[in-house]
Protein backbone atom coordinates (compact mmCIF):
# COMPACT_ATOMS: atom_id res chain seq x y z
CA MET A 1 -0.09 -0.08 0.27
CA ALA A 2 2.87 2.67 0.28
CA LYS A 3 3.73 2.58 -3.59
CA PRO A 4 0.16 3.93 -4.63
CA ARG A 5 0.02 6.43 -1.46
CA LEU A 6 4.25 7.16 -3.01
CA LEU A 7 2.45 7.75 -5.84
CA ALA A 8 -0.18 10.42 -5.61
CA THR A 9 1.66 11.76 -3.65
CA LEU A 10 4.10 12.56 -6.46
CA VAL A 11 1.41 13.42 -9.09
CA LEU A 12 0.04 15.73 -6.43
CA MET A 13 4.28 17.89 -6.12
CA LEU A 14 3.05 17.94 -10.10
CA CYS A 15 -0.21 19.59 -9.65
CA TRP A 16 1.15 21.91 -7.38
CA VAL A 17 4.87 23.04 -9.35
CA ALA A 18 2.86 23.21 -12.91
CA LEU A 19 0.51 25.56 -11.27
CA ILE A 20 3.13 27.29 -9.88
CA GLY A 21 4.80 27.47 -12.69
CA ALA A 22 1.17 27.81 -15.13
CA VAL A 23 0.67 31.50 -12.41
CA THR A 24 4.87 32.43 -12.79
CA GLY A 25 4.11 32.29 -16.47
CA ALA A 26 1.25 33.90 -16.62
CA ILE A 27 3.56 36.82 -14.48
CA ALA A 28 5.79 36.44 -16.57
CA ASP A 29 4.36 37.10 -19.70
CA ASP A 30 2.75 39.67 -18.71
CA LYS A 31 6.14 41.86 -17.42
CA VAL A 32 7.64 40.57 -20.62
CA GLY A 33 4.81 39.39 -23.54
CA SER A 34 2.03 42.50 -22.80
CA LYS A 35 2.08 46.16 -21.33
CA VAL A 36 4.78 48.41 -19.71
CA ARG A 37 4.33 51.09 -17.57
CA ILE A 38 6.93 54.01 -17.10
CA SER A 39 7.16 57.20 -15.40
CA LEU A 40 8.49 60.49 -15.54
CA LEU A 41 9.50 62.68 -13.09
CA ALA A 42 9.36 66.01 -14.17
CA ILE A 43 10.82 69.61 -12.95
CA ASN A 44 11.14 73.25 -14.45
CA ASP A 45 11.61 76.42 -12.88
CA PHE A 46 13.93 75.49 -10.50
CA HIS A 47 16.55 78.69 -10.84
CA GLY A 48 18.46 76.92 -8.21
CA ASN A 49 16.21 76.68 -5.31
CA ILE A 50 18.05 74.46 -3.69
CA MET A 51 17.53 75.81 -0.17
CA PRO A 52 13.66 75.71 0.73
CA PRO A 53 12.00 78.99 -1.37
CA GLY A 54 10.30 80.26 1.79
CA ILE A 55 6.85 79.46 -0.48
CA ALA A 56 4.13 77.10 -0.01
CA VAL A 57 1.60 75.13 -1.55
CA PRO A 58 -1.95 75.74 -1.48
CA VAL A 59 -3.02 72.30 -1.13
CA PRO A 60 -7.06 71.26 -1.31
CA ASP A 61 -8.73 69.87 2.67
CA ALA A 62 -11.80 71.18 4.42
CA SER A 63 -10.69 73.97 5.44
CA GLY A 64 -12.21 75.88 1.90
CA PRO A 65 -11.89 75.92 -1.46
CA ALA A 66 -8.63 77.90 -1.61
CA GLY A 67 -7.21 75.05 1.15
CA VAL A 68 -4.10 75.35 3.46
CA ARG A 69 -0.34 76.48 2.85
CA VAL A 70 2.12 73.39 3.20
CA SER A 71 5.84 74.45 2.84
CA ALA A 72 6.92 73.00 -0.28
CA GLY A 73 10.87 72.52 -1.93
CA GLY A 74 14.36 72.50 -0.93
CA ALA A 75 16.77 69.77 -3.17
CA ALA A 76 17.13 67.13 0.06
CA TYR A 77 13.15 66.81 -0.15
CA LEU A 78 13.02 67.18 -3.56
CA SER A 79 15.72 64.75 -3.80
CA THR A 80 14.18 62.19 -0.73
CA LEU A 81 10.47 62.37 -3.06
CA VAL A 82 12.38 61.54 -6.16
CA ARG A 83 13.55 58.22 -4.18
CA GLN A 84 10.54 57.68 -3.42
CA GLN A 85 9.08 57.73 -6.60
CA LYS A 86 11.72 56.08 -8.52
CA ALA A 87 10.66 53.56 -6.46
CA LEU A 88 7.22 52.92 -7.03
CA ASN A 89 8.67 51.85 -10.28
CA PRO A 90 11.81 50.70 -9.99
CA GLY A 91 13.74 50.79 -13.46
CA ASN A 92 11.33 52.25 -15.54
CA THR A 93 11.36 55.91 -13.93
CA LEU A 94 13.46 58.46 -15.46
CA VAL A 95 13.39 62.03 -14.48
CA VAL A 96 13.24 64.97 -16.80
CA GLY A 97 13.27 68.34 -16.74
CA ALA A 98 11.78 71.52 -18.46
CA GLY A 99 14.13 74.44 -18.46
CA ASP A 100 15.09 77.44 -15.62
CA LEU A 101 16.61 74.84 -13.78
CA LEU A 102 19.65 77.67 -14.01
CA GLY A 103 18.86 81.21 -14.10
CA ALA A 104 17.81 84.38 -11.36
CA THR A 105 19.33 82.54 -8.92
CA PRO A 106 19.84 82.51 -5.18
CA LEU A 107 22.90 83.95 -3.69
CA VAL A 108 24.15 79.96 -2.94
CA SER A 109 23.78 79.43 -6.22
CA GLY A 110 24.22 82.48 -8.23
CA LEU A 111 27.37 83.89 -5.63
CA PHE A 112 29.21 79.80 -7.18
CA HIS A 113 28.71 80.90 -11.18
CA ASP A 114 25.36 78.68 -10.75
CA GLU A 115 27.67 75.00 -10.13
CA PRO A 116 25.64 73.95 -6.59
CA THR A 117 22.99 73.67 -8.85
CA VAL A 118 24.70 71.40 -11.76
CA GLU A 119 25.65 69.00 -8.36
CA VAL A 120 22.57 69.14 -6.48
CA LEU A 121 20.53 68.22 -10.04
CA ASN A 122 23.65 65.41 -10.92
CA GLN A 123 23.09 63.94 -7.93
CA ILE A 124 19.31 63.76 -7.61
CA GLY A 125 19.37 61.93 -10.74
CA LEU A 126 18.17 64.15 -13.39
CA ASP A 127 18.25 62.77 -16.64
CA ILE A 128 17.36 65.31 -19.02
CA SER A 129 16.05 68.94 -19.56
CA SER A 130 15.23 71.68 -22.24
CA VAL A 131 16.94 74.77 -22.50
CA GLY A 132 14.72 77.83 -20.44
CA ASN A 133 15.71 81.11 -21.83
CA HIS A 134 17.54 81.84 -18.53
CA GLU A 135 19.74 79.04 -18.82
CA PHE A 136 20.67 82.23 -21.37
CA ASP A 137 21.28 84.90 -18.66
CA LYS A 138 25.39 85.37 -19.12
CA GLY A 139 25.26 83.98 -22.86
CA THR A 140 25.74 80.88 -24.85
CA ALA A 141 29.75 80.55 -23.69
CA GLU A 142 28.51 80.09 -20.24
CA ILE A 143 25.25 77.74 -20.51
CA LEU A 144 27.83 75.01 -22.63
CA ARG A 145 30.27 75.63 -19.97
CA LEU A 146 28.10 74.64 -17.66
CA GLN A 147 26.74 71.16 -18.88
CA ASN A 148 30.69 70.48 -20.47
CA GLY A 149 32.33 71.24 -17.52
CA GLY A 150 35.31 73.43 -16.74
CA CYS A 151 35.57 76.58 -14.41
CA TYR A 152 34.55 80.07 -14.38
CA PRO A 153 36.25 82.47 -16.84
CA ARG A 154 38.64 85.65 -14.83
CA ASN A 155 36.52 88.66 -14.35
CA ALA A 156 34.51 87.70 -16.48
CA ASP A 157 30.59 89.59 -16.26
CA GLY A 158 31.83 90.50 -12.97
CA GLY A 159 32.51 87.09 -11.70
CA SER A 160 35.93 86.88 -10.51
CA GLY A 161 35.80 83.22 -11.37
CA VAL A 162 38.91 82.69 -8.90
CA VAL A 163 39.19 78.11 -8.46
CA GLY A 164 38.78 77.17 -4.74
CA VAL A 165 36.83 80.91 -3.71
CA ASP A 166 33.69 81.00 -6.73
CA THR A 167 34.45 78.57 -9.47
CA CYS A 168 35.57 74.45 -9.49
CA LEU A 169 35.30 73.90 -5.97
CA ASN A 170 35.72 70.61 -6.14
CA GLN A 171 38.59 69.40 -5.52
CA GLY A 172 39.61 72.49 -8.74
CA ARG A 173 37.26 71.40 -11.12
CA PHE A 174 33.52 71.05 -12.10
CA GLU A 175 32.71 68.03 -14.41
CA GLY A 176 29.67 69.53 -15.41
CA ALA A 177 25.44 68.61 -16.05
CA ARG A 178 25.42 64.71 -16.42
CA TYR A 179 21.97 65.39 -17.52
CA ARG A 180 22.45 65.65 -21.42
CA TYR A 181 20.15 69.43 -22.37
CA LEU A 182 18.29 69.34 -25.04
CA ALA A 183 17.03 72.95 -28.05
CA ALA A 184 16.23 71.42 -30.92
CA ASN A 185 15.18 74.77 -32.23
CA VAL A 186 17.72 76.40 -31.33
CA ILE A 187 20.06 76.62 -33.96
CA VAL A 188 23.79 78.71 -34.68
CA LYS A 189 23.63 80.41 -38.00
CA ALA A 190 27.38 80.24 -38.81
CA THR A 191 27.06 75.68 -38.22
CA GLY A 192 23.38 75.65 -38.94
CA LYS A 193 23.20 72.85 -36.66
CA ALA A 194 21.34 73.25 -33.59
CA LEU A 195 23.20 73.99 -30.20
CA PHE A 196 22.32 71.37 -28.02
CA PRO A 197 20.77 67.73 -28.74
CA ALA A 198 17.23 68.34 -30.56
CA TYR A 199 16.15 64.88 -29.18
CA ALA A 200 16.84 61.93 -27.12
CA ILE A 201 15.44 58.22 -26.66
CA ARG A 202 15.47 56.18 -23.82
CA ASP A 203 15.61 52.21 -24.52
CA VAL A 204 12.79 51.94 -20.74
CA ASP A 205 11.94 48.06 -20.77
CA GLY A 206 11.09 47.41 -24.65
CA VAL A 207 9.96 50.63 -25.62
CA ARG A 208 11.62 52.99 -27.33
CA ILE A 209 10.79 57.08 -25.91
CA GLY A 210 11.65 59.68 -28.24
CA PHE A 211 11.74 62.70 -26.67
CA ILE A 212 12.68 66.41 -28.10
CA GLY A 213 13.76 69.81 -25.86
CA LEU A 214 12.44 73.20 -27.62
CA THR A 215 12.85 77.26 -25.60
CA LEU A 216 9.99 79.36 -26.34
CA ARG A 217 11.26 81.42 -29.69
CA GLY A 218 10.86 84.40 -27.58
CA THR A 219 14.14 84.09 -25.86
CA PRO A 220 15.63 86.42 -27.73
CA ALA A 221 13.78 89.42 -26.38
CA MET A 222 13.80 87.68 -23.11
CA VAL A 223 18.22 87.72 -22.19
CA MET A 224 20.67 89.36 -22.95
CA PRO A 225 20.68 90.30 -26.67
CA SER A 226 24.15 89.86 -27.04
CA GLY A 227 24.59 86.46 -25.22
CA VAL A 228 22.43 85.11 -27.84
CA ALA A 229 24.19 86.38 -30.48
CA GLY A 230 24.84 84.02 -33.88
CA LEU A 231 21.87 81.83 -32.95
CA GLU A 232 18.30 81.27 -34.74
CA PHE A 233 15.07 80.69 -31.62
CA ARG A 234 12.95 78.81 -34.20
CA ASP A 235 9.19 77.89 -34.49
CA GLU A 236 8.49 75.22 -31.70
CA VAL A 237 4.88 73.22 -33.65
CA ARG A 238 7.25 73.03 -37.67
CA THR A 239 10.24 71.66 -35.34
CA ILE A 240 8.39 69.06 -33.67
CA ASN A 241 6.61 68.76 -35.66
CA ALA A 242 9.68 67.58 -38.83
CA LEU A 243 11.15 65.41 -36.04
CA VAL A 244 8.52 63.45 -35.29
CA PRO A 245 9.48 61.56 -39.05
CA GLU A 246 13.46 61.15 -37.53
CA LEU A 247 12.62 59.14 -34.39
CA LYS A 248 10.29 56.92 -36.25
CA ALA A 249 12.33 55.77 -38.23
CA GLN A 250 14.57 55.05 -35.48
CA GLY A 251 11.70 52.90 -34.35
CA VAL A 252 10.56 55.73 -31.48
CA THR A 253 6.44 55.33 -30.51
CA VAL A 254 6.21 57.21 -27.25
CA PHE A 255 6.71 60.83 -28.17
CA VAL A 256 7.40 63.35 -24.51
CA VAL A 257 8.01 66.82 -25.50
CA LEU A 258 10.14 68.58 -23.29
CA ILE A 259 9.33 72.93 -23.67
CA HIS A 260 10.43 75.80 -22.08
CA GLN A 261 6.72 77.36 -22.50
CA GLY A 262 3.65 77.64 -20.66
CA GLY A 263 0.09 78.50 -19.23
CA HIS A 264 -1.97 79.37 -17.29
CA THR A 265 -4.66 78.94 -15.10
CA THR A 266 -7.41 80.09 -12.81
CA ALA A 267 -7.00 76.66 -10.17
CA GLN A 268 -6.75 78.03 -6.43
CA THR A 269 -4.45 75.17 -5.13
CA ALA A 270 -1.94 73.46 -7.04
CA LEU A 271 -2.67 69.88 -7.40
CA ASP A 272 -6.21 70.98 -8.71
CA LYS A 273 -6.70 68.58 -12.03
CA THR A 274 -9.80 70.24 -13.48
CA CYS A 275 -7.38 73.44 -15.47
CA PRO A 276 -10.36 75.97 -15.33
CA ASP A 277 -9.91 78.91 -17.94
CA PHE A 278 -6.88 77.29 -19.26
CA SER A 279 -4.80 79.63 -21.74
CA GLY A 280 -1.11 80.57 -23.12
CA ASP A 281 0.91 79.91 -25.83
CA ILE A 282 1.78 76.88 -24.61
CA LEU A 283 -2.46 75.67 -26.32
CA ASP A 284 -1.19 77.17 -30.02
CA ILE A 285 1.49 74.94 -29.96
CA ALA A 286 0.39 72.08 -28.27
CA ASP A 287 -3.33 71.76 -30.46
CA ARG A 288 -0.67 72.13 -33.31
CA LEU A 289 1.31 68.99 -32.58
CA ASP A 290 1.34 65.85 -34.58
CA PRO A 291 -0.55 63.13 -33.26
CA ALA A 292 2.07 61.27 -31.88
CA VAL A 293 2.70 63.22 -29.01
CA GLN A 294 1.03 62.84 -26.65
CA VAL A 295 2.48 64.23 -23.88
CA VAL A 296 3.64 67.71 -23.75
CA ILE A 297 5.59 68.55 -20.35
CA SER A 298 6.40 72.24 -20.02
CA GLY A 299 6.80 75.08 -17.30
CA HIS A 300 7.82 79.25 -18.04
CA THR A 301 5.12 80.53 -16.85
CA HIS A 302 5.84 78.87 -12.51
CA GLN A 303 1.89 77.70 -12.47
CA GLU A 304 0.88 74.01 -11.29
CA TYR A 305 -1.46 71.79 -13.38
CA VAL A 306 -1.78 69.12 -15.14
CA CYS A 307 -4.19 69.41 -17.70
CA THR A 308 -5.91 67.05 -21.16
CA ARG A 309 -7.30 67.92 -24.25
CA PRO A 310 -9.84 67.57 -26.56
CA ASP A 311 -7.30 65.44 -28.42
CA GLY A 312 -6.25 62.65 -24.92
CA ARG A 313 -2.95 65.49 -25.25
CA LEU A 314 -1.59 65.73 -22.08
CA ILE A 315 0.17 68.88 -20.78
CA THR A 316 1.93 69.31 -17.30
CA GLN A 317 3.93 71.90 -15.40
CA SER A 318 4.89 72.17 -11.86
CA GLY A 319 5.34 75.47 -10.50
CA PHE A 320 8.63 76.40 -10.58
CA TYR A 321 11.84 76.50 -7.34
CA GLY A 322 10.82 72.84 -7.14
CA ARG A 323 7.87 72.86 -4.35
CA LEU A 324 5.94 70.33 -6.34
CA LEU A 325 7.44 67.39 -9.11
CA THR A 326 5.64 66.01 -12.05
CA ARG A 327 4.46 62.37 -11.67
CA ILE A 328 3.58 61.11 -14.91
CA ASP A 329 2.34 57.31 -15.70
CA LEU A 330 2.08 56.11 -19.25
CA THR A 331 1.31 52.38 -19.92
CA VAL A 332 2.78 51.24 -23.19
CA GLU A 333 1.63 48.33 -25.49
CA ARG A 334 5.09 46.21 -24.88
CA ALA A 335 4.32 44.40 -28.31
CA SER A 336 3.32 47.19 -31.16
CA GLY A 337 5.28 50.20 -28.48
CA LYS A 338 1.31 51.94 -28.69
CA LEU A 339 0.96 54.78 -26.01
CA LEU A 340 -2.27 53.17 -24.36
CA ALA A 341 -3.19 55.03 -21.59
CA LYS A 342 -1.06 57.85 -19.54
CA ASP A 343 -2.15 59.49 -16.21
CA ALA A 344 -0.53 62.52 -14.09
CA ASN A 345 -1.13 64.41 -11.04
CA ASN A 346 1.17 66.98 -8.74
CA LEU A 347 3.18 65.88 -5.55
CA VAL A 348 4.32 68.51 -3.07
CA VAL A 349 7.94 68.18 -2.35
CA VAL A 350 6.37 68.75 1.75
CA ASN A 351 9.21 70.12 4.06
CA ASP A 352 9.16 70.34 7.32
CA GLN A 353 10.70 74.50 8.02
CA PRO A 354 8.50 77.09 9.17
CA LEU A 355 6.21 79.60 6.94
CA ASN A 356 6.63 81.68 9.12
CA VAL A 357 10.22 82.50 10.21
CA ALA A 358 9.65 85.57 12.33
CA VAL A 359 7.59 82.83 14.22
CA GLY A 360 9.21 79.66 13.31
CA ASN A 361 5.78 77.48 13.06
CA SER A 362 3.24 76.42 10.45
CA PRO A 363 -0.27 75.50 10.26
CA PRO A 364 -0.83 71.84 10.28
CA LEU A 365 -0.67 69.83 7.86
CA PRO A 366 -3.90 68.60 6.25
CA ALA A 367 -4.57 64.64 6.54
CA GLY A 368 -1.83 63.00 4.13
CA TYR A 369 0.73 64.96 4.28
CA SER A 370 3.52 64.56 6.24
CA ALA A 371 6.93 66.10 5.98
CA LEU A 372 10.25 64.01 3.65
CA VAL A 373 12.93 63.15 5.98
CA PRO A 374 15.60 65.21 3.98
CA ASP A 375 18.37 63.24 1.80
CA PRO A 376 21.86 63.55 4.31
CA GLN A 377 24.05 63.24 0.91
CA ILE A 378 22.24 66.59 -0.80
CA ALA A 379 21.94 68.13 2.93
CA ALA A 380 25.48 67.59 2.80
CA ILE A 381 26.15 69.77 -0.41
CA VAL A 382 22.99 72.46 0.02
CA ARG A 383 24.51 73.24 3.32
CA ARG A 384 28.96 73.66 2.66
CA TYR A 385 27.62 76.43 0.17
CA GLY A 386 25.21 77.86 2.00
CA ASP A 387 28.86 78.13 4.74
CA LEU A 388 30.54 79.39 2.06
CA SER A 389 27.94 81.98 0.79
CA ALA A 390 26.57 83.23 4.38
CA THR A 391 29.50 85.35 5.42
CA ILE A 392 28.59 87.67 2.87
CA ALA A 393 24.40 86.88 2.44
CA ASP A 394 24.22 87.43 5.61
CA LEU A 395 25.48 90.79 5.82
CA PRO A 396 23.23 93.84 6.53
CA ILE A 397 22.40 96.41 4.61
CA GLY A 398 19.84 98.44 5.66
CA ARG A 399 16.12 98.49 7.17
CA ILE A 400 12.97 98.50 5.43
CA ALA A 401 10.29 100.72 6.67
CA GLY A 402 7.73 98.57 5.33
CA PRO A 403 7.04 95.55 3.10
CA LEU A 404 8.11 96.10 -0.50
CA ASP A 405 6.42 93.66 -3.10
CA ARG A 406 6.20 92.86 -6.70
CA HIS A 407 2.29 93.68 -5.93
CA GLN A 408 1.60 95.60 -10.03
CA THR A 409 -1.27 98.20 -9.37
CA PRO A 410 -3.66 98.22 -12.37
CA GLY A 411 -1.23 100.35 -13.72
CA GLY A 412 1.54 98.52 -13.19
CA GLU A 413 3.28 99.80 -10.98
CA SER A 414 4.45 98.17 -6.94
CA THR A 415 6.56 99.29 -3.94
CA LEU A 416 10.09 97.37 -4.75
CA GLY A 417 10.01 97.95 -8.28
CA ALA A 418 9.86 102.10 -7.78
CA LEU A 419 11.64 102.07 -4.59
CA ILE A 420 15.11 100.10 -7.49
CA SER A 421 13.97 102.45 -9.90
CA ASP A 422 14.38 104.79 -7.82
CA ALA A 423 18.11 103.56 -7.19
CA PHE A 424 18.47 103.57 -10.12
CA LEU A 425 17.95 107.24 -10.67
CA ALA A 426 20.01 107.78 -7.48
CA GLY A 427 22.86 105.48 -8.55
CA ALA A 428 23.75 107.11 -12.20
CA SER A 429 22.92 110.69 -10.17
CA ARG A 430 26.55 110.45 -8.85
CA THR A 431 28.59 110.53 -12.50
CA SER A 432 32.03 111.68 -13.99
CA ASP A 433 33.15 112.84 -16.93
CA GLY A 434 31.26 115.96 -17.38
CA VAL A 435 28.42 113.29 -17.69
CA ALA A 436 24.31 114.86 -16.73
CA PRO A 437 23.13 113.60 -13.83
CA ALA A 438 20.34 111.23 -15.20
CA GLN A 439 16.25 112.39 -14.43
CA ILE A 440 14.51 109.31 -14.81
CA ALA A 441 14.87 105.59 -14.75
CA PHE A 442 13.26 102.72 -15.70
CA THR A 443 13.70 99.04 -15.06
CA ASN A 444 12.09 96.10 -16.44
CA PRO A 445 9.47 94.09 -13.96
CA GLY A 446 10.96 90.42 -14.84
CA GLY A 447 14.82 91.89 -13.63
CA VAL A 448 12.98 91.87 -9.46
CA ARG A 449 12.60 88.18 -8.78
CA ALA A 450 11.58 88.15 -4.90
CA ASP A 451 9.98 90.26 -2.24
CA LEU A 452 11.86 92.22 0.94
CA LYS A 453 8.81 91.18 2.98
CA SER A 454 10.61 91.62 6.80
CA THR A 455 10.26 94.88 8.48
CA LEU A 456 14.08 93.80 10.81
CA SER A 457 17.59 94.47 9.29
CA VAL A 458 17.77 93.82 5.18
CA SER A 459 20.75 91.40 4.14
CA TYR A 460 22.86 91.68 0.50
CA GLY A 461 21.29 87.75 0.09
CA GLN A 462 17.56 89.05 -0.22
CA LEU A 463 19.16 91.78 -2.05
CA PHE A 464 20.70 89.49 -4.73
CA SER A 465 17.43 87.20 -4.89
CA VAL A 466 15.79 89.91 -5.43
CA MET A 467 18.28 91.28 -8.22
CA PRO A 468 20.18 87.80 -9.15
CA PHE A 469 21.14 89.45 -12.99
CA SER A 470 24.28 90.96 -12.07
CA ASN A 471 22.81 93.24 -14.87
CA ALA A 472 25.52 96.25 -14.92
CA LEU A 473 23.18 100.25 -14.02
CA VAL A 474 23.55 102.45 -17.86
CA SER A 475 22.72 105.56 -18.52
CA MET A 476 21.63 106.85 -22.16
CA ASP A 477 20.08 110.56 -23.64
CA LEU A 478 16.81 110.43 -25.29
CA THR A 479 14.71 112.36 -26.85
CA GLY A 480 11.45 113.51 -25.79
CA ALA A 481 10.17 111.52 -29.03
CA GLN A 482 11.81 108.85 -28.56
CA LEU A 483 10.73 108.64 -24.63
CA LEU A 484 7.08 108.31 -25.70
CA ARG A 485 7.88 105.57 -28.09
CA LEU A 486 9.80 104.07 -25.59
CA LEU A 487 6.23 104.52 -23.36
CA GLU A 488 4.05 102.61 -26.01
CA GLN A 489 5.99 99.89 -27.19
CA GLN A 490 5.29 98.56 -23.28
CA TRP A 491 2.48 97.15 -25.93
CA GLN A 492 3.84 97.15 -29.02
CA GLY A 493 4.16 93.69 -30.76
CA ARG A 494 2.83 91.76 -27.11
CA ALA A 495 0.43 88.92 -27.97
CA THR A 496 -0.89 88.25 -24.35
CA ARG A 497 -0.81 90.92 -22.04
CA SER A 498 1.28 94.58 -21.85
CA LEU A 499 5.20 94.72 -19.85
CA VAL A 500 4.97 97.74 -18.28
CA LEU A 501 8.59 99.06 -16.63
CA HIS A 502 8.69 100.66 -13.15
CA VAL A 503 9.11 104.35 -13.66
CA SER A 504 11.14 106.24 -10.86
CA GLU A 505 9.93 109.55 -8.29
CA GLY A 506 8.91 113.12 -10.35
CA PHE A 507 7.87 110.85 -13.85
CA THR A 508 4.11 111.06 -14.13
CA TYR A 509 2.18 109.61 -17.31
CA THR A 510 -1.42 108.18 -18.15
CA TRP A 511 -2.45 105.23 -19.72
CA ASP A 512 -5.74 104.16 -22.10
CA ALA A 513 -6.65 100.78 -22.11
CA ALA A 514 -8.99 101.22 -24.02
CA GLN A 515 -7.14 103.30 -27.12
CA PRO A 516 -5.35 101.64 -29.80
CA VAL A 517 -1.53 99.72 -29.14
CA GLY A 518 0.84 102.46 -30.57
CA GLU A 519 -1.68 104.86 -29.06
CA ARG A 520 -2.70 104.31 -25.92
CA VAL A 521 -0.32 107.17 -23.70
CA LEU A 522 -2.81 109.73 -23.11
CA PRO A 523 -1.08 113.61 -25.20
CA GLY A 524 0.51 115.84 -22.44
CA SER A 525 0.07 113.36 -19.56
CA ALA A 526 3.94 112.75 -19.07
CA LEU A 527 5.28 114.62 -17.27
CA LEU A 528 8.66 115.18 -14.91
CA HIS A 529 8.62 116.55 -11.60
CA GLY A 530 5.31 118.71 -13.32
CA GLN A 531 6.12 119.22 -16.87
CA PRO A 532 5.34 118.26 -19.79
CA ILE A 533 7.67 115.74 -21.26
CA ARG A 534 9.27 117.37 -24.83
CA ALA A 535 9.82 116.24 -27.91
CA ASP A 536 12.55 118.36 -28.73
CA ALA A 537 13.89 117.70 -25.29
CA VAL A 538 16.85 115.93 -24.26
CA TYR A 539 16.52 113.61 -20.84
CA ARG A 540 19.26 111.97 -19.13
CA VAL A 541 17.80 108.24 -18.41
CA ALA A 542 18.51 104.92 -16.54
CA THR A 543 18.13 101.37 -16.51
CA ASN A 544 19.69 98.15 -16.46
CA SER A 545 21.98 96.66 -19.45
CA PHE A 546 19.43 94.61 -20.60
CA LEU A 547 17.07 96.73 -21.04
CA ALA A 548 19.61 98.52 -22.78
CA GLU A 549 20.61 96.35 -24.99
CA GLY A 550 17.05 96.45 -26.50
CA GLY A 551 16.07 92.92 -23.94
CA ASP A 552 12.22 92.29 -23.66
CA SER A 553 11.83 94.01 -26.94
CA PHE A 554 12.57 97.58 -26.45
CA SER A 555 14.62 99.21 -28.43
CA ILE A 556 14.18 102.57 -28.52
CA PHE A 557 16.89 102.63 -25.63
CA LYS A 558 19.31 101.15 -28.97
CA GLN A 559 19.48 104.19 -29.86
CA GLY A 560 20.83 106.23 -26.63
CA LYS A 561 23.24 108.55 -26.93
CA ASN A 562 26.08 108.91 -24.99
CA VAL A 563 26.00 106.36 -23.47
CA GLN A 564 27.59 105.53 -20.23
CA THR A 565 27.89 102.01 -18.10
CA GLY A 566 28.33 102.84 -14.33
CA GLU A 567 27.91 99.40 -11.58
CA LEU A 568 26.41 96.46 -10.65
CA ASP A 569 23.10 97.27 -10.48
CA SER A 570 23.19 94.66 -6.80
CA VAL A 571 25.83 97.23 -6.00
CA VAL A 572 23.82 99.93 -7.14
CA LEU A 573 20.72 99.06 -4.88
CA LYS A 574 23.59 97.84 -1.35
CA LEU A 575 24.92 101.19 -2.21
CA TYR A 576 21.66 102.78 -2.31
CA PHE A 577 20.29 101.06 1.12
CA ARG A 578 23.66 102.25 3.17
CA ALA A 579 22.28 105.40 2.50
CA LYS A 580 19.09 105.59 3.60
CA GLY A 581 19.98 103.78 6.48
CA VAL A 582 15.79 103.56 6.82
CA VAL A 583 14.28 102.73 3.16
CA GLN A 584 10.69 104.24 3.26
CA VAL A 585 7.97 102.87 1.39
CA PRO A 586 7.78 104.38 -2.27
CA ALA A 587 4.92 106.07 -3.14
CA LEU A 588 3.25 104.79 -5.75
CA GLY A 589 0.58 106.81 -8.90
CA ARG A 590 3.44 107.30 -10.88
CA ILE A 591 1.61 105.63 -13.53
CA THR A 592 -2.35 105.67 -14.00
CA ARG A 593 -4.40 103.76 -15.68
CA LEU A 594 -7.88 104.54 -17.54
CA ASN A 595 -10.35 101.29 -18.43
């Protein structure tokens, strides 16, 4: 009787082995022969904010439609979230960027020519990024250096370029970005070739995914014209659509565009996926793309959105300063490479830093949120550069009598913009060589990057955050007729919105929004200390070197005579603060808007 029992046992064991093998085979078949899940983790407009930026993210909770503010950002916290998200889809996750990762950066990165940000992004594991307009802030040669490595040139653009002091702080070397910049529509005129590769192809678990990287065509008007001399910025849609067949020929079946251009929504919280009132330049671009392009990762407008177009195309953006991370999941049929499904969500980079630094606390986190534990390796890098810059960053410059911010009145003024224009006027009044002092000063809103909210001592680091571009103060002669044409350029050639310059005390004018472009400044309303601007008179005008070169499409500045270049703008602002001791909040009403 023993042999039949043994035989039965063997048969049962074989059945179990066959069953387990069938299940395992089914799982393997599903993994190998059925579907592939590819995850993309996206950032944009990081702007070198390796330290927590102190700007909250509004997230939904039970308090109402506006939600609650959560402290977010900081490279060490971002790194932890990236690592956690990669673990959810190991081996099949890529980290990508949509431009402006560098430029307009705080002192902790800007003092060292953005080498700290590149080092941090290398460690976080960024794979690919498009180039943004701010990557060109210091010109073509500098963005190539940041990609390829090498030390900052000695005494270039006001930077000392001393190895071991402000550049190449890692054993005298800077290795450059391990991630790859893409710029399909940025062409070197002399060669006809792209400045950076047009695209990158990655093989993910048997699927070929193609990334096309672009920056906005309007970049030359947003940076120093001399910095992009010799470059052509081509149409985004034509560039993308021309590349699709080339990528298909290389076996690419999934197409992702990384583009530094964006849109706007009126969503009240950062995680709203309904995209209310979605608008902006990105829509016209996305809606004209080849149908093969189903994912567009955008930037530039500092907005948070996950939007799906009527044709199913996905458009995302993760805000700014590394406070959010966009997770995009793509389900692909392995055999055909066909994209079956896509989904995206913005994730908050929750930190443990207080929102109200003066009080030292934050509102309690809503349900479902907890602070991330900072990545110790990234935290050490950030701490190192923070310590190196602390002596300069913490240097007290002066005080302000009240908050100064960038919030614009209907006319286009802001208290901080008015203050900077006043500082420019004062700085250009200290002239030499017999040149007359400035009478009017202008600054551009895009050159003012942070607010001054504390009434305590203002530090040099705070001033650098306000004006991080190291532009020089430039003064010139313009006629009254040129001044009036300059004011009209605030609306000319701007498809979506005006760009009203901040003006110094003593200069006033009125503009009418109901009048046609080119005729908006009311005749006779432009006054200097109460006296009408005369078309045939000559006025001494001060501005920054960005505008002086015709930046933001203000070409009239390039017609100036008797041009004189002075101190760096941040130095001018520092001297103004020191001279005043306590800086008062400037009175507005310099610019009046009708209708």
